[in-house]
N, C-alpha and C. Protein backbone atom coordinates (compact mmCIF):
# COMPACT_ATOMS: atom_id res chain seq x y z
N MET A 1 -8.28 27.20 -8.55
CA MET A 1 -6.86 27.37 -8.63
C MET A 1 -6.29 27.40 -7.21
N PRO A 2 -5.42 26.49 -6.89
CA PRO A 2 -4.82 26.44 -5.55
C PRO A 2 -3.93 27.66 -5.29
N ILE A 3 -3.88 28.07 -4.02
CA ILE A 3 -2.96 29.12 -3.61
C ILE A 3 -2.02 28.55 -2.55
N THR A 4 -0.95 29.26 -2.32
CA THR A 4 -0.02 28.82 -1.28
C THR A 4 -0.43 29.46 0.04
N PHE A 5 0.14 28.93 1.12
CA PHE A 5 -0.12 29.52 2.43
C PHE A 5 0.40 30.96 2.47
N ASP A 6 1.50 31.23 1.80
CA ASP A 6 2.02 32.60 1.72
C ASP A 6 1.03 33.54 1.03
N ASP A 7 0.32 33.03 0.01
CA ASP A 7 -0.72 33.83 -0.64
C ASP A 7 -1.81 34.18 0.36
N PHE A 8 -2.24 33.20 1.14
CA PHE A 8 -3.28 33.42 2.16
C PHE A 8 -2.85 34.48 3.17
N LEU A 9 -1.58 34.44 3.58
CA LEU A 9 -1.09 35.38 4.58
C LEU A 9 -1.07 36.82 4.08
N LYS A 10 -1.11 37.01 2.77
CA LYS A 10 -1.13 38.37 2.21
C LYS A 10 -2.46 39.06 2.46
N VAL A 11 -3.52 38.29 2.67
CA VAL A 11 -4.85 38.86 2.88
C VAL A 11 -5.04 39.07 4.38
N ASP A 12 -5.17 40.32 4.79
CA ASP A 12 -5.29 40.67 6.20
C ASP A 12 -6.77 40.73 6.58
N ILE A 13 -7.28 39.64 7.13
CA ILE A 13 -8.69 39.54 7.50
C ILE A 13 -8.79 39.67 9.01
N ARG A 14 -9.53 40.68 9.46
CA ARG A 14 -9.62 40.99 10.88
C ARG A 14 -11.06 41.19 11.32
N VAL A 15 -11.23 41.14 12.63
CA VAL A 15 -12.54 41.38 13.23
C VAL A 15 -12.57 42.81 13.77
N GLY A 16 -13.73 43.44 13.63
CA GLY A 16 -13.93 44.78 14.18
C GLY A 16 -15.38 44.94 14.59
N THR A 17 -15.64 46.01 15.33
CA THR A 17 -16.99 46.31 15.79
C THR A 17 -17.53 47.53 15.07
N VAL A 18 -18.74 47.42 14.54
CA VAL A 18 -19.39 48.56 13.89
C VAL A 18 -19.72 49.59 14.97
N VAL A 19 -19.16 50.79 14.84
CA VAL A 19 -19.38 51.83 15.84
C VAL A 19 -20.35 52.91 15.35
N ARG A 20 -20.60 52.93 14.06
CA ARG A 20 -21.51 53.93 13.49
C ARG A 20 -22.05 53.39 12.18
N ALA A 21 -23.30 53.71 11.89
CA ALA A 21 -23.93 53.31 10.63
C ALA A 21 -24.87 54.41 10.17
N GLU A 22 -24.86 54.66 8.88
CA GLU A 22 -25.72 55.68 8.29
C GLU A 22 -26.33 55.14 7.01
N PRO A 23 -27.49 55.66 6.62
CA PRO A 23 -28.03 55.28 5.31
C PRO A 23 -27.10 55.77 4.21
N TYR A 24 -27.16 55.11 3.06
CA TYR A 24 -26.38 55.52 1.90
C TYR A 24 -27.33 55.60 0.70
N PRO A 25 -28.20 56.62 0.70
CA PRO A 25 -29.23 56.70 -0.34
C PRO A 25 -28.69 56.91 -1.74
N GLU A 26 -27.45 57.40 -1.88
CA GLU A 26 -26.87 57.64 -3.20
C GLU A 26 -26.35 56.36 -3.86
N ALA A 27 -26.25 55.29 -3.12
CA ALA A 27 -25.72 54.03 -3.67
C ALA A 27 -26.66 53.48 -4.73
N ARG A 28 -26.09 52.78 -5.72
CA ARG A 28 -26.91 52.18 -6.77
C ARG A 28 -27.81 51.08 -6.23
N GLN A 29 -27.27 50.27 -5.33
CA GLN A 29 -28.04 49.22 -4.65
C GLN A 29 -28.23 49.67 -3.20
N PRO A 30 -29.34 49.30 -2.54
CA PRO A 30 -29.53 49.71 -1.15
C PRO A 30 -28.33 49.32 -0.29
N ALA A 31 -27.81 50.29 0.47
CA ALA A 31 -26.59 50.06 1.25
C ALA A 31 -26.56 50.97 2.46
N PHE A 32 -25.67 50.63 3.39
CA PHE A 32 -25.36 51.46 4.54
C PHE A 32 -23.90 51.89 4.46
N LYS A 33 -23.60 53.03 5.06
CA LYS A 33 -22.21 53.42 5.34
C LYS A 33 -21.91 52.90 6.74
N LEU A 34 -20.77 52.23 6.90
CA LEU A 34 -20.39 51.69 8.19
C LEU A 34 -19.02 52.21 8.59
N TRP A 35 -18.85 52.48 9.88
CA TRP A 35 -17.56 52.79 10.47
C TRP A 35 -17.26 51.65 11.45
N VAL A 36 -16.11 51.00 11.25
CA VAL A 36 -15.77 49.79 12.00
C VAL A 36 -14.47 50.04 12.76
N ASP A 37 -14.48 49.72 14.06
CA ASP A 37 -13.29 49.86 14.91
C ASP A 37 -12.54 48.54 14.91
N PHE A 38 -11.30 48.56 14.41
CA PHE A 38 -10.45 47.37 14.36
C PHE A 38 -9.38 47.39 15.46
N GLY A 39 -9.61 48.11 16.52
CA GLY A 39 -8.68 48.12 17.64
C GLY A 39 -7.53 49.10 17.43
N PRO A 40 -6.61 49.16 18.42
CA PRO A 40 -5.57 50.20 18.41
C PRO A 40 -4.56 50.09 17.26
N GLU A 41 -4.29 48.91 16.76
CA GLU A 41 -3.29 48.76 15.70
C GLU A 41 -3.76 49.36 14.37
N ILE A 42 -5.03 49.16 14.03
CA ILE A 42 -5.58 49.61 12.74
C ILE A 42 -6.47 50.83 12.91
N GLY A 43 -7.24 50.87 13.98
CA GLY A 43 -8.14 51.99 14.22
C GLY A 43 -9.47 51.83 13.51
N GLU A 44 -10.13 52.94 13.32
CA GLU A 44 -11.45 52.95 12.70
C GLU A 44 -11.32 53.11 11.19
N ARG A 45 -12.08 52.29 10.47
CA ARG A 45 -12.11 52.36 9.00
C ARG A 45 -13.57 52.39 8.56
N LYS A 46 -13.81 52.95 7.38
CA LYS A 46 -15.18 53.04 6.87
C LYS A 46 -15.35 52.20 5.62
N THR A 47 -16.60 51.83 5.38
CA THR A 47 -16.95 51.04 4.20
C THR A 47 -18.42 51.22 3.90
N SER A 48 -18.81 50.81 2.73
CA SER A 48 -20.24 50.71 2.42
C SER A 48 -20.58 49.22 2.30
N ALA A 49 -21.80 48.88 2.66
CA ALA A 49 -22.20 47.48 2.65
C ALA A 49 -23.65 47.35 2.23
N GLN A 50 -23.90 46.43 1.29
CA GLN A 50 -25.26 46.17 0.82
C GLN A 50 -25.90 45.11 1.71
N ILE A 51 -26.25 45.54 2.93
CA ILE A 51 -26.76 44.60 3.95
C ILE A 51 -28.15 44.99 4.45
N THR A 52 -28.87 45.80 3.68
CA THR A 52 -30.13 46.35 4.16
C THR A 52 -31.26 45.32 4.28
N ARG A 53 -31.13 44.20 3.64
CA ARG A 53 -32.19 43.18 3.70
C ARG A 53 -32.28 42.52 5.07
N HIS A 54 -31.12 42.21 5.68
CA HIS A 54 -31.11 41.47 6.95
C HIS A 54 -30.74 42.32 8.16
N TYR A 55 -30.32 43.57 7.94
CA TYR A 55 -29.84 44.39 9.05
C TYR A 55 -30.46 45.78 8.97
N ASP A 56 -30.61 46.41 10.14
CA ASP A 56 -31.05 47.81 10.18
C ASP A 56 -29.94 48.62 10.85
N LEU A 57 -30.04 49.93 10.74
CA LEU A 57 -28.98 50.80 11.24
C LEU A 57 -28.71 50.60 12.73
N GLU A 58 -29.77 50.53 13.52
CA GLU A 58 -29.61 50.39 14.96
C GLU A 58 -29.04 49.02 15.32
N GLY A 59 -29.48 47.99 14.64
CA GLY A 59 -29.07 46.63 14.96
C GLY A 59 -27.64 46.29 14.55
N VAL A 60 -27.12 46.99 13.55
CA VAL A 60 -25.76 46.68 13.08
C VAL A 60 -24.70 47.36 13.96
N VAL A 61 -25.06 48.48 14.59
CA VAL A 61 -24.10 49.15 15.49
C VAL A 61 -23.86 48.26 16.70
N GLY A 62 -22.61 48.03 17.01
CA GLY A 62 -22.23 47.14 18.11
C GLY A 62 -21.95 45.72 17.66
N LYS A 63 -22.27 45.41 16.42
CA LYS A 63 -22.06 44.06 15.89
C LYS A 63 -20.60 43.90 15.45
N GLN A 64 -20.01 42.76 15.80
CA GLN A 64 -18.68 42.45 15.29
C GLN A 64 -18.82 41.87 13.89
N VAL A 65 -17.89 42.28 13.01
CA VAL A 65 -17.88 41.84 11.62
C VAL A 65 -16.46 41.42 11.25
N VAL A 66 -16.34 40.68 10.16
CA VAL A 66 -15.04 40.24 9.64
C VAL A 66 -14.82 40.99 8.32
N ALA A 67 -13.59 41.51 8.14
CA ALA A 67 -13.32 42.32 6.95
C ALA A 67 -11.88 42.16 6.49
N VAL A 68 -11.68 42.36 5.19
CA VAL A 68 -10.34 42.47 4.63
C VAL A 68 -9.90 43.91 4.86
N THR A 69 -8.76 44.07 5.55
CA THR A 69 -8.33 45.42 5.94
C THR A 69 -7.16 45.95 5.12
N ASN A 70 -6.61 45.16 4.21
CA ASN A 70 -5.44 45.65 3.48
C ASN A 70 -5.66 45.85 1.98
N PHE A 71 -6.92 46.03 1.56
CA PHE A 71 -7.16 46.50 0.20
C PHE A 71 -6.89 48.00 0.16
N PRO A 72 -6.49 48.55 -0.99
CA PRO A 72 -6.38 50.00 -1.08
C PRO A 72 -7.78 50.61 -1.03
N PRO A 73 -7.90 51.86 -0.56
CA PRO A 73 -9.22 52.51 -0.55
C PRO A 73 -9.85 52.51 -1.94
N LYS A 74 -11.18 52.40 -1.97
CA LYS A 74 -11.90 52.36 -3.24
C LYS A 74 -13.08 53.33 -3.18
N GLN A 75 -13.20 54.14 -4.21
CA GLN A 75 -14.31 55.08 -4.30
C GLN A 75 -15.58 54.32 -4.67
N ILE A 76 -16.61 54.40 -3.82
CA ILE A 76 -17.91 53.79 -4.08
C ILE A 76 -18.91 54.95 -4.16
N GLY A 77 -19.18 55.42 -5.36
CA GLY A 77 -20.01 56.61 -5.51
C GLY A 77 -19.28 57.80 -4.91
N LYS A 78 -19.94 58.49 -3.98
CA LYS A 78 -19.34 59.65 -3.32
C LYS A 78 -18.65 59.27 -2.00
N PHE A 79 -18.52 57.99 -1.74
CA PHE A 79 -18.00 57.51 -0.45
C PHE A 79 -16.73 56.70 -0.67
N MET A 80 -15.70 56.94 0.14
CA MET A 80 -14.44 56.21 0.03
C MET A 80 -14.48 55.02 0.99
N SER A 81 -14.44 53.81 0.43
CA SER A 81 -14.44 52.58 1.22
C SER A 81 -13.00 52.19 1.52
N GLU A 82 -12.72 51.89 2.80
CA GLU A 82 -11.36 51.58 3.22
C GLU A 82 -11.15 50.11 3.57
N VAL A 83 -12.21 49.35 3.74
CA VAL A 83 -12.13 47.92 4.03
C VAL A 83 -13.26 47.21 3.29
N LEU A 84 -13.17 45.89 3.21
CA LEU A 84 -14.23 45.09 2.60
C LEU A 84 -14.81 44.18 3.68
N VAL A 85 -16.03 44.51 4.13
CA VAL A 85 -16.73 43.66 5.09
C VAL A 85 -17.18 42.40 4.35
N LEU A 86 -16.98 41.25 4.98
CA LEU A 86 -17.26 39.98 4.31
C LEU A 86 -18.63 39.43 4.66
N GLY A 87 -19.26 38.81 3.67
CA GLY A 87 -20.56 38.20 3.86
C GLY A 87 -20.74 37.03 2.91
N ILE A 88 -21.83 36.33 3.13
CA ILE A 88 -22.20 35.16 2.32
C ILE A 88 -23.63 35.39 1.82
N PRO A 89 -23.93 35.05 0.56
CA PRO A 89 -25.31 35.24 0.09
C PRO A 89 -26.25 34.21 0.69
N ASP A 90 -27.46 34.68 1.02
CA ASP A 90 -28.51 33.74 1.45
C ASP A 90 -29.16 33.13 0.20
N GLU A 91 -30.24 32.41 0.38
CA GLU A 91 -30.89 31.73 -0.76
C GLU A 91 -31.42 32.70 -1.81
N ASP A 92 -31.60 33.99 -1.44
CA ASP A 92 -32.06 35.00 -2.39
C ASP A 92 -30.92 35.88 -2.90
N GLY A 93 -29.68 35.56 -2.51
CA GLY A 93 -28.55 36.35 -2.94
C GLY A 93 -28.29 37.58 -2.10
N GLU A 94 -28.99 37.71 -0.97
CA GLU A 94 -28.81 38.85 -0.07
C GLU A 94 -27.69 38.56 0.93
N VAL A 95 -26.94 39.58 1.30
CA VAL A 95 -25.75 39.42 2.13
C VAL A 95 -26.09 39.11 3.59
N VAL A 96 -25.45 38.06 4.10
CA VAL A 96 -25.44 37.73 5.53
C VAL A 96 -23.99 37.92 5.98
N LEU A 97 -23.78 38.79 6.95
CA LEU A 97 -22.43 39.12 7.39
C LEU A 97 -21.72 37.95 8.06
N LEU A 98 -20.41 37.85 7.81
CA LEU A 98 -19.59 36.90 8.55
C LEU A 98 -19.20 37.56 9.87
N ALA A 99 -19.30 36.81 10.96
CA ALA A 99 -19.00 37.35 12.28
C ALA A 99 -18.60 36.22 13.21
N PRO A 100 -17.76 36.52 14.21
CA PRO A 100 -17.44 35.48 15.19
C PRO A 100 -18.69 35.12 15.99
N ASP A 101 -18.78 33.87 16.46
CA ASP A 101 -19.96 33.48 17.23
C ASP A 101 -19.80 33.79 18.72
N LYS A 102 -18.63 34.29 19.12
CA LYS A 102 -18.38 34.76 20.48
C LYS A 102 -17.64 36.09 20.37
N LYS A 103 -17.81 36.96 21.37
CA LYS A 103 -17.10 38.24 21.39
C LYS A 103 -15.60 37.99 21.47
N VAL A 104 -14.86 38.67 20.59
CA VAL A 104 -13.39 38.57 20.55
C VAL A 104 -12.82 39.98 20.51
N PRO A 105 -11.54 40.13 20.83
CA PRO A 105 -10.94 41.47 20.78
C PRO A 105 -10.94 42.05 19.36
N ASP A 106 -11.31 43.32 19.23
CA ASP A 106 -11.26 43.97 17.93
C ASP A 106 -9.82 44.00 17.43
N GLY A 107 -9.66 43.75 16.14
CA GLY A 107 -8.34 43.76 15.53
C GLY A 107 -7.75 42.37 15.39
N GLY A 108 -8.39 41.37 16.00
CA GLY A 108 -7.87 40.01 15.89
C GLY A 108 -7.81 39.57 14.43
N ARG A 109 -6.69 38.97 14.07
CA ARG A 109 -6.49 38.52 12.69
C ARG A 109 -6.96 37.09 12.52
N MET A 110 -7.64 36.83 11.42
CA MET A 110 -8.09 35.48 11.12
C MET A 110 -6.90 34.60 10.77
N TYR A 111 -6.92 33.37 11.30
CA TYR A 111 -5.92 32.37 10.92
C TYR A 111 -6.52 31.00 10.96
């Protein structure tokens, strides 16, 4: 179903840097809790991500990620997710994070 450019502009997709990561053992599927810094305009937001197959806690901290920042908060088990980090499934259906291939300023909006 086609969308208009105005529809696309409603989705606020930005880049941020993971500043903290913790295990999330209570999650139904293996996941991490992530805190992502989206720069001064948006600040730090938290989310959970099922990325344990390709990433470890130490390796994901400092990584830039792409996320939808204007969804309403969503309760994921006992954790409140404030953004949706974006990824693509690999050949086994495991998440590979979307990220810029060069360092960019946190908070930059995708266009």
